N, C-alpha and C. Protein backbone atom coordinates (compact mmCIF):
# COMPACT_ATOMS: atom_id res chain seq x y z
N GLY A 1 -1.42 -4.78 5.95
CA GLY A 1 -1.11 -4.74 7.87
C GLY A 1 -1.27 -3.18 8.37
N VAL A 2 -1.07 -2.06 7.81
CA VAL A 2 -1.07 -0.78 8.02
C VAL A 2 -2.04 0.04 8.49
N GLY A 3 -2.80 -0.32 7.74
CA GLY A 3 -4.65 -0.17 7.16
C GLY A 3 -4.69 1.39 5.66
N LYS A 4 -4.05 0.56 4.99
CA LYS A 4 -3.64 1.44 3.41
C LYS A 4 -4.73 1.15 3.03
N THR A 5 -6.22 0.57 3.22
CA THR A 5 -6.85 0.43 2.03
C THR A 5 -8.13 1.05 3.13
N THR A 6 -8.06 1.08 4.30
CA THR A 6 -8.86 1.11 5.13
C THR A 6 -9.09 2.74 5.16
N LEU A 7 -7.55 3.31 5.14
CA LEU A 7 -7.56 4.73 5.67
C LEU A 7 -7.73 5.22 4.56
N GLY A 8 -7.30 4.71 3.13
CA GLY A 8 -7.16 5.07 1.73
C GLY A 8 -8.78 5.36 1.54
N ARG A 9 -9.50 4.94 1.73
CA ARG A 9 -10.93 4.47 1.87
C ARG A 9 -12.06 5.97 2.36
N ALA A 10 -10.98 5.62 3.75
CA ALA A 10 -12.09 6.58 4.51
C ALA A 10 -11.03 8.40 3.67
N VAL A 11 -9.76 9.01 3.23
CA VAL A 11 -9.62 9.68 2.77
C VAL A 11 -10.26 10.58 1.58
N SER A 12 -9.90 9.12 0.57
CA SER A 12 -11.45 9.53 -0.68
C SER A 12 -12.38 10.12 -0.33
N LYS A 13 -13.18 9.10 1.24
CA LYS A 13 -14.22 9.95 1.08
C LYS A 13 -14.60 12.04 2.06
N ALA A 14 -13.60 11.42 2.58
CA ALA A 14 -13.06 13.05 3.22
C ALA A 14 -12.68 13.78 1.64
N LEU A 15 -12.23 13.71 1.05
CA LEU A 15 -11.82 14.37 -0.49
C LEU A 15 -13.21 14.51 -1.75
N GLY A 16 -13.31 13.62 -1.54
CA GLY A 16 -14.74 12.96 -2.05
C GLY A 16 -13.85 12.84 -3.60
N TRP A 17 -12.92 12.05 -3.52
CA TRP A 17 -12.17 11.28 -4.49
C TRP A 17 -12.13 9.95 -4.68
N LYS A 18 -12.34 9.59 -5.94
CA LYS A 18 -11.78 7.89 -6.07
C LYS A 18 -10.85 7.11 -5.64
N PHE A 19 -11.32 5.92 -5.36
CA PHE A 19 -10.35 5.24 -4.02
C PHE A 19 -9.84 4.15 -5.15
N ILE A 20 -9.30 4.06 -5.62
CA ILE A 20 -8.09 3.33 -6.35
C ILE A 20 -7.55 2.15 -5.37
N ASP A 21 -7.68 0.07 -5.47
CA ASP A 21 -7.42 -0.64 -4.90
C ASP A 21 -6.24 -1.26 -5.52
N VAL A 22 -4.86 -0.61 -5.84
CA VAL A 22 -4.00 -1.61 -7.14
C VAL A 22 -3.68 -2.97 -6.99
N ASP A 23 -4.24 -3.70 -5.22
CA ASP A 23 -4.32 -5.27 -5.31
C ASP A 23 -5.66 -5.82 -5.91
N HIS A 24 -7.01 -4.70 -5.34
CA HIS A 24 -8.44 -5.08 -6.30
C HIS A 24 -8.17 -4.88 -7.62
N GLN A 25 -7.71 -4.05 -7.77
CA GLN A 25 -7.62 -4.12 -10.09
C GLN A 25 -7.16 -5.57 -10.58
N ILE A 26 -6.04 -5.83 -9.33
CA ILE A 26 -5.31 -6.36 -10.26
C ILE A 26 -6.46 -8.59 -10.00
N GLU A 27 -6.78 -8.54 -9.15
CA GLU A 27 -7.62 -9.39 -8.86
C GLU A 27 -8.56 -9.46 -9.75
N LYS A 28 -9.66 -8.26 -10.13
CA LYS A 28 -10.26 -8.03 -10.89
C LYS A 28 -10.21 -8.32 -12.34
N ALA A 29 -9.31 -8.18 -12.59
CA ALA A 29 -8.80 -8.26 -13.84
C ALA A 29 -8.06 -10.29 -14.54
N GLU A 30 -7.70 -10.50 -13.16
CA GLU A 30 -7.41 -11.31 -12.87
C GLU A 30 -8.14 -12.43 -13.21
N GLY A 31 -9.32 -11.95 -12.58
CA GLY A 31 -10.25 -13.38 -11.82
C GLY A 31 -9.90 -13.88 -10.62
N ARG A 32 -8.46 -13.47 -9.93
CA ARG A 32 -8.40 -14.83 -8.82
C ARG A 32 -7.95 -13.66 -7.98
N LYS A 33 -7.55 -13.86 -6.51
CA LYS A 33 -6.96 -13.30 -5.30
C LYS A 33 -5.78 -13.42 -5.76
N ILE A 34 -4.67 -12.54 -4.85
CA ILE A 34 -3.15 -12.13 -5.28
C ILE A 34 -2.84 -13.67 -4.66
N ALA A 35 -3.03 -13.75 -3.57
CA ALA A 35 -3.15 -15.06 -3.37
C ALA A 35 -2.43 -16.30 -4.13
N GLN A 36 -3.81 -16.60 -4.38
CA GLN A 36 -3.32 -17.41 -5.81
C GLN A 36 -2.69 -16.97 -7.23
N ILE A 37 -2.46 -16.19 -7.38
CA ILE A 37 -1.03 -15.39 -8.31
C ILE A 37 0.16 -15.68 -7.77
N PHE A 38 0.00 -15.50 -6.14
CA PHE A 38 1.34 -16.04 -5.72
C PHE A 38 1.82 -17.17 -5.95
N GLU A 39 0.78 -17.88 -5.51
CA GLU A 39 1.40 -19.75 -5.77
C GLU A 39 1.28 -20.14 -7.12
N SER A 40 0.25 -19.73 -7.59
CA SER A 40 0.56 -20.02 -9.32
C SER A 40 1.39 -18.94 -10.28
N ASP A 41 2.12 -18.30 -9.82
CA ASP A 41 2.19 -18.09 -10.89
C ASP A 41 3.97 -16.68 -9.80
N GLY A 42 3.70 -16.86 -9.36
CA GLY A 42 5.49 -16.65 -7.80
C GLY A 42 4.90 -14.78 -8.58
N GLU A 43 5.74 -14.26 -7.25
CA GLU A 43 6.07 -13.48 -6.49
C GLU A 43 6.68 -12.14 -8.07
N PRO A 44 7.54 -13.23 -9.15
CA PRO A 44 8.03 -11.94 -10.35
C PRO A 44 6.98 -11.67 -11.72
N GLU A 45 5.57 -12.59 -11.31
CA GLU A 45 5.32 -12.15 -12.49
C GLU A 45 3.85 -11.21 -11.46
N PHE A 46 3.30 -11.71 -10.30
CA PHE A 46 2.12 -10.57 -9.45
C PHE A 46 3.29 -8.88 -9.39
N ARG A 47 4.30 -8.89 -9.69
CA ARG A 47 5.30 -7.98 -9.22
C ARG A 47 4.91 -7.04 -10.75
N ARG A 48 5.09 -8.04 -11.92
CA ARG A 48 5.20 -7.75 -13.42
C ARG A 48 3.32 -7.08 -13.63
N MET A 49 2.15 -7.66 -12.84
CA MET A 49 0.69 -7.43 -12.89
C MET A 49 0.98 -5.36 -12.81
N GLU A 50 1.58 -5.51 -11.25
CA GLU A 50 1.68 -4.64 -10.21
C GLU A 50 1.91 -3.50 -11.01
N THR A 51 3.01 -3.43 -11.48
CA THR A 51 3.34 -2.21 -12.06
C THR A 51 2.98 -1.91 -13.39
N LEU A 52 2.42 -3.28 -14.08
CA LEU A 52 1.35 -2.71 -15.67
C LEU A 52 0.17 -2.17 -14.71
N ALA A 53 -0.14 -2.10 -13.55
CA ALA A 53 -1.50 -1.54 -13.19
C ALA A 53 -1.31 -0.09 -12.86
N LEU A 54 -0.02 0.12 -12.61
CA LEU A 54 0.48 1.47 -12.00
C LEU A 54 0.90 2.65 -12.79
N LYS A 55 1.02 1.75 -13.71
CA LYS A 55 1.32 2.64 -15.15
C LYS A 55 -0.51 2.86 -16.27
N GLY A 56 -0.64 1.57 -15.63
CA GLY A 56 -2.78 2.28 -15.90
C GLY A 56 -2.88 3.42 -15.70
N LEU A 57 -2.41 3.79 -14.31
CA LEU A 57 -3.25 4.64 -13.29
C LEU A 57 -2.15 5.61 -13.69
N SER A 58 -1.61 6.03 -14.18
CA SER A 58 -0.46 7.40 -14.65
C SER A 58 -1.13 8.78 -14.64
N ARG A 59 -2.29 8.73 -15.89
CA ARG A 59 -2.95 9.98 -15.34
C ARG A 59 -4.38 9.94 -14.49
N VAL A 60 -4.36 9.27 -13.77
CA VAL A 60 -5.35 9.42 -13.11
C VAL A 60 -5.57 10.43 -12.46
N LYS A 61 -6.01 11.84 -12.04
CA LYS A 61 -6.59 12.28 -10.96
C LYS A 61 -7.30 12.71 -10.08
N HIS A 62 -7.65 12.74 -9.05
CA HIS A 62 -8.22 13.04 -8.05
C HIS A 62 -9.22 11.20 -7.56
N ALA A 63 -7.61 10.97 -7.57
CA ALA A 63 -7.89 9.28 -6.61
C ALA A 63 -6.80 9.26 -5.45
N VAL A 64 -7.13 8.34 -4.45
CA VAL A 64 -6.16 7.91 -3.56
C VAL A 64 -5.50 6.38 -3.91
N VAL A 65 -5.11 5.87 -4.43
CA VAL A 65 -4.66 4.94 -4.50
C VAL A 65 -3.51 3.90 -3.57
N SER A 66 -3.92 2.83 -3.49
CA SER A 66 -3.73 2.23 -2.25
C SER A 66 -2.85 1.18 -3.22
N THR A 67 -1.27 0.62 -3.05
CA THR A 67 -0.64 -0.54 -3.07
C THR A 67 -0.29 -0.78 -2.03
N GLY A 68 0.73 -1.88 -2.88
CA GLY A 68 0.46 -3.37 -2.07
C GLY A 68 1.76 -2.69 -0.89
N GLY A 69 2.45 -3.34 0.44
CA GLY A 69 4.04 -2.73 0.30
C GLY A 69 4.43 -3.52 -0.53
N GLY A 70 4.44 -4.19 -1.58
CA GLY A 70 6.09 -4.17 -1.76
C GLY A 70 6.50 -3.60 -3.18
N ALA A 71 5.06 -2.89 -3.69
CA ALA A 71 4.84 -1.87 -4.80
C ALA A 71 6.11 -1.24 -4.98
N PRO A 72 6.34 0.07 -4.27
CA PRO A 72 7.33 0.92 -4.43
C PRO A 72 9.28 0.36 -4.39
N ILE A 73 9.05 -1.05 -4.06
CA ILE A 73 10.59 -2.04 -3.86
C ILE A 73 10.72 -1.97 -5.72
N GLN A 74 9.97 -2.39 -6.39
CA GLN A 74 10.23 -2.29 -7.78
C GLN A 74 10.82 -1.61 -8.34
N PRO A 75 11.52 -1.40 -8.58
CA PRO A 75 12.68 -0.79 -10.24
C PRO A 75 11.28 0.20 -10.85
N GLY A 76 11.47 1.34 -10.68
CA GLY A 76 10.20 2.27 -11.45
C GLY A 76 9.08 2.80 -11.13
N ASN A 77 9.39 1.55 -10.33
CA ASN A 77 7.34 2.35 -9.07
C ASN A 77 6.98 3.63 -8.46
N LEU A 78 7.96 3.21 -7.92
CA LEU A 78 8.39 4.65 -6.90
C LEU A 78 8.25 5.96 -7.43
N GLU A 79 8.86 5.77 -9.28
CA GLU A 79 8.68 7.21 -10.02
C GLU A 79 7.15 6.49 -10.64
N LEU A 80 7.10 5.79 -10.86
CA LEU A 80 5.22 5.83 -11.49
C LEU A 80 4.04 6.09 -10.98
N MET A 81 4.23 6.00 -9.39
CA MET A 81 3.81 6.10 -8.54
C MET A 81 3.55 7.84 -7.82
N ARG A 82 4.71 8.45 -8.32
CA ARG A 82 5.07 9.97 -7.96
C ARG A 82 3.95 10.77 -9.18
N GLU A 83 3.44 9.93 -9.96
CA GLU A 83 3.28 10.12 -10.85
C GLU A 83 1.28 10.64 -11.08
N ILE A 84 1.36 9.81 -9.91
CA ILE A 84 -0.32 9.54 -9.51
C ILE A 84 -0.74 10.61 -9.03
N GLY A 85 0.43 10.95 -8.04
CA GLY A 85 0.38 12.43 -6.97
C GLY A 85 1.48 11.88 -6.26
N PRO A 86 0.96 13.10 -5.05
CA PRO A 86 2.50 12.31 -3.44
C PRO A 86 2.13 11.47 -2.69
N VAL A 87 3.18 10.42 -2.39
CA VAL A 87 3.72 9.28 -1.84
C VAL A 87 4.21 9.49 -0.71
N VAL A 88 2.98 8.48 0.29
CA VAL A 88 2.67 8.70 1.62
C VAL A 88 2.75 7.26 1.86
N TYR A 89 4.52 7.87 3.08
CA TYR A 89 4.48 6.53 3.85
C TYR A 89 3.96 5.96 4.98
N LEU A 90 2.71 5.06 4.85
CA LEU A 90 2.41 5.39 6.63
C LEU A 90 2.64 4.64 7.25
N GLU A 91 4.19 4.45 8.13
CA GLU A 91 4.88 3.90 9.06
C GLU A 91 4.41 3.31 10.33
N ALA A 92 4.22 2.17 10.25
CA ALA A 92 4.12 1.48 11.31
C ALA A 92 5.05 0.54 12.37
N GLY A 93 5.57 0.18 13.83
CA GLY A 93 6.54 -0.77 13.82
C GLY A 93 5.81 -2.29 13.47
N VAL A 94 7.49 -2.87 13.91
CA VAL A 94 7.02 -4.33 14.28
C VAL A 94 5.73 -4.76 14.98
N ALA A 95 6.00 -4.65 16.09
CA ALA A 95 4.53 -4.72 17.14
C ALA A 95 3.21 -4.76 16.40
N ALA A 96 3.42 -3.37 15.89
CA ALA A 96 1.70 -3.04 15.92
C ALA A 96 1.67 -3.89 14.44
N LEU A 97 2.26 -4.01 13.67
CA LEU A 97 2.09 -4.44 12.14
C LEU A 97 2.08 -6.41 13.12
N THR A 98 2.69 -6.73 13.00
CA THR A 98 2.57 -8.36 13.76
C THR A 98 0.93 -8.60 14.52
N ARG A 99 0.56 -7.54 14.99
CA ARG A 99 -0.70 -7.66 15.68
C ARG A 99 -1.52 -7.42 14.78
N ARG A 100 -1.63 -6.33 13.92
CA ARG A 100 -2.38 -6.23 13.19
C ARG A 100 -3.08 -7.49 11.95
N LEU A 101 -1.95 -8.24 11.74
CA LEU A 101 -1.84 -9.04 10.32
C LEU A 101 -2.09 -10.03 11.25
N MET A 102 -1.67 -10.76 12.04
CA MET A 102 -2.67 -11.58 12.92
C MET A 102 -3.51 -12.02 13.71
N ASN A 103 -4.19 -10.43 13.22
CA ASN A 103 -5.94 -10.45 13.23
C ASN A 103 -6.16 -10.43 12.36
N SER A 104 -5.79 -10.31 11.00
CA SER A 104 -6.09 -10.22 10.04
C SER A 104 -6.72 -11.33 9.15
N ARG A 105 -7.78 -11.03 8.29
CA ARG A 105 -8.79 -12.51 7.64
C ARG A 105 -8.21 -12.41 5.76
N THR A 106 -6.98 -11.42 5.61
CA THR A 106 -6.69 -11.39 4.36
C THR A 106 -5.26 -12.24 4.50
N ARG A 107 -5.54 -13.30 3.56
CA ARG A 107 -4.23 -14.05 3.58
C ARG A 107 -3.26 -13.01 2.62
N ARG A 108 -1.60 -13.26 3.58
CA ARG A 108 -0.74 -12.24 3.21
C ARG A 108 0.19 -13.65 2.67
N PRO A 109 0.81 -13.88 1.46
CA PRO A 109 1.41 -14.40 0.61
C PRO A 109 2.60 -14.30 1.46
N LEU A 110 3.39 -13.32 0.86
CA LEU A 110 4.43 -13.27 1.81
C LEU A 110 5.41 -13.71 2.97
N LEU A 111 4.52 -13.57 3.60
CA LEU A 111 4.41 -13.98 5.83
C LEU A 111 4.96 -15.11 6.42
N GLY A 112 3.81 -16.43 5.52
CA GLY A 112 4.59 -18.04 6.15
C GLY A 112 3.94 -17.99 7.19
N ASN A 113 4.42 -18.66 8.28
CA ASN A 113 4.02 -18.80 9.87
C ASN A 113 4.79 -17.64 10.75
N ASP A 114 6.06 -17.37 10.63
CA ASP A 114 6.45 -16.26 11.40
C ASP A 114 6.85 -14.92 10.92
N ILE A 115 5.28 -14.57 11.46
CA ILE A 115 4.78 -13.43 11.10
C ILE A 115 5.71 -12.52 11.28
N GLU A 116 5.92 -12.22 12.98
CA GLU A 116 7.24 -11.25 13.53
C GLU A 116 8.54 -11.08 12.67
N GLY A 117 8.98 -12.29 12.48
CA GLY A 117 9.93 -12.19 12.12
C GLY A 117 10.49 -11.94 11.02
N ARG A 118 9.00 -11.86 9.67
CA ARG A 118 8.72 -11.57 8.39
C ARG A 118 8.78 -10.11 7.97
N VAL A 119 7.96 -9.72 9.32
CA VAL A 119 7.40 -8.77 9.49
C VAL A 119 8.73 -7.47 9.50
N ARG A 120 9.68 -7.91 10.64
CA ARG A 120 10.99 -7.49 10.81
C ARG A 120 12.10 -7.20 9.43
N SER A 121 12.18 -8.59 8.89
CA SER A 121 12.61 -8.88 7.71
C SER A 121 12.14 -8.17 6.44
N LEU A 122 10.98 -7.48 5.96
CA LEU A 122 10.56 -7.21 5.00
C LEU A 122 10.97 -5.81 5.22
N LEU A 123 10.62 -5.45 6.49
CA LEU A 123 10.43 -3.66 6.94
C LEU A 123 12.02 -3.12 7.00
N SER A 124 12.72 -4.56 7.51
CA SER A 124 14.57 -3.77 7.35
C SER A 124 14.90 -3.57 5.27
N GLU A 125 14.66 -4.41 4.12
CA GLU A 125 15.29 -5.13 3.16
C GLU A 125 14.08 -3.29 2.44
N ARG A 126 13.17 -2.94 2.89
CA ARG A 126 11.59 -2.08 2.16
C ARG A 126 12.71 -0.57 2.79
N GLU A 127 12.68 -0.30 3.66
CA GLU A 127 12.64 0.47 4.79
C GLU A 127 12.83 1.95 3.84
N GLN A 128 14.95 1.55 2.90
CA GLN A 128 15.09 2.56 2.68
C GLN A 128 14.38 3.09 1.85
N ILE A 129 13.84 2.31 0.75
CA ILE A 129 12.57 2.95 -0.36
C ILE A 129 11.45 3.90 0.39
N TYR A 130 10.86 3.30 1.80
CA TYR A 130 9.87 3.78 1.97
C TYR A 130 10.21 5.14 1.97
N LEU A 131 11.30 4.99 3.01
CA LEU A 131 11.49 6.74 3.37
C LEU A 131 11.78 7.44 2.25
N GLN A 132 12.26 6.71 0.86
CA GLN A 132 11.82 8.20 -0.37
C GLN A 132 10.88 8.38 -0.62
N ALA A 133 9.36 8.05 0.24
CA ALA A 133 8.35 9.04 0.50
C ALA A 133 8.21 10.08 0.02
N ASP A 134 7.48 10.92 -0.40
CA ASP A 134 6.82 12.38 -0.27
C ASP A 134 6.65 12.86 0.90
N PHE A 135 5.70 11.63 1.35
CA PHE A 135 5.11 12.31 2.87
C PHE A 135 5.20 10.99 3.96
N ARG A 136 6.05 11.09 5.03
CA ARG A 136 5.62 10.25 6.43
C ARG A 136 5.38 10.50 7.59
N ILE A 137 4.07 9.44 7.60
CA ILE A 137 3.36 8.93 8.66
C ILE A 137 2.84 7.97 9.56
N ALA A 138 4.16 8.85 11.37
CA ALA A 138 3.50 7.71 12.03
C ALA A 138 2.43 7.07 12.38
N VAL A 139 1.64 5.56 12.37
CA VAL A 139 0.16 5.95 12.77
C VAL A 139 0.33 5.40 13.99
N ASP A 140 1.16 4.13 14.57
CA ASP A 140 1.14 3.63 15.35
C ASP A 140 -0.10 4.23 16.83
N ASP A 141 1.26 5.51 16.98
CA ASP A 141 0.10 6.32 18.27
C ASP A 141 -0.74 7.53 17.71
N ARG A 142 -1.42 7.24 16.30
CA ARG A 142 -2.49 8.41 16.04
C ARG A 142 -3.90 7.36 15.71
N SER A 143 -4.97 8.51 15.76
CA SER A 143 -6.13 7.13 15.67
C SER A 143 -6.17 7.16 14.10
N PRO A 144 -6.74 6.02 13.96
CA PRO A 144 -7.00 6.38 12.14
C PRO A 144 -7.10 7.96 11.60
N MET A 145 -8.90 7.95 12.31
CA MET A 145 -9.47 9.62 11.84
C MET A 145 -7.95 10.75 11.95
N GLU A 146 -7.30 11.35 12.64
CA GLU A 146 -6.05 11.76 12.70
C GLU A 146 -5.08 11.51 11.64
N THR A 147 -5.21 9.83 11.37
CA THR A 147 -4.03 10.08 10.20
C THR A 147 -4.55 10.18 8.88
N VAL A 148 -6.34 10.09 8.80
CA VAL A 148 -7.11 10.35 7.87
C VAL A 148 -6.98 11.81 7.49
N LEU A 149 -7.17 12.96 8.32
CA LEU A 149 -6.89 14.05 8.29
C LEU A 149 -5.67 14.52 8.06
N GLU A 150 -4.42 14.00 8.51
CA GLU A 150 -3.50 14.37 7.88
C GLU A 150 -2.94 14.27 6.40
N ILE A 151 -3.62 12.96 6.20
CA ILE A 151 -3.51 12.80 4.99
C ILE A 151 -4.50 13.65 3.51
N LYS A 152 -5.54 13.81 4.30
CA LYS A 152 -6.33 15.09 3.72
C LYS A 152 -5.98 16.25 3.42
N ARG A 153 -5.06 16.77 5.18
CA ARG A 153 -4.33 17.97 4.63
C ARG A 153 -3.00 17.97 3.24
N ILE A 154 -2.58 17.17 3.76
CA ILE A 154 -1.01 16.42 2.27
C ILE A 154 -2.29 16.87 0.62
N ALA A 155 -3.02 16.27 0.31
CA ALA A 155 -3.51 16.27 -0.25
C ALA A 155 -4.32 17.72 -0.98
N GLU A 156 -4.51 18.27 -0.27
CA GLU A 156 -5.17 19.16 -0.16
C GLU A 156 -4.04 20.36 -0.14
N GLY A 157 -3.20 20.48 -0.01
CA GLY A 157 -1.78 21.12 0.10
C GLY A 157 -1.45 20.83 -1.38
N MET A 158 -1.95 19.90 -2.17
CA MET A 158 -0.96 19.06 -3.66
C MET A 158 -2.21 20.04 -4.77
N SER A 159 -2.82 20.12 -4.58
CA SER A 159 -4.32 20.39 -5.19
C SER A 159 -4.20 21.33 -6.43
């Protein structure tokens, strides 16, 4: 709900790099949507697939990789993400995330009906890991273009 895919595509275009969305890779490999994987196989199986997808990207260079919010939480995944490049935490507040997710057309398996409560809970559970990212960008008070330019600056400084 923070705009990882939209921002990731824009950053990759600005850099002239490839864009890789881990969730889309999993959906393509499995021939079904993430929500269906969660429903039929459960979250642990999805997380296993996510880790395998990240391992497969460890040697990729000049790519912007978008992961779901649960990816860095799994043991070892943050390190796998760092093998690909710097990890950027797009930080948004509960109110902004709730508003975006309520207006989203994408079904989010972990949210359920109490979106605000679940967002608050997930952020609380995940924030200590998120704060270990190499870079942190607060997006609530930035335009998408400002965020894209900031991420582009980070990527160019790391190349």
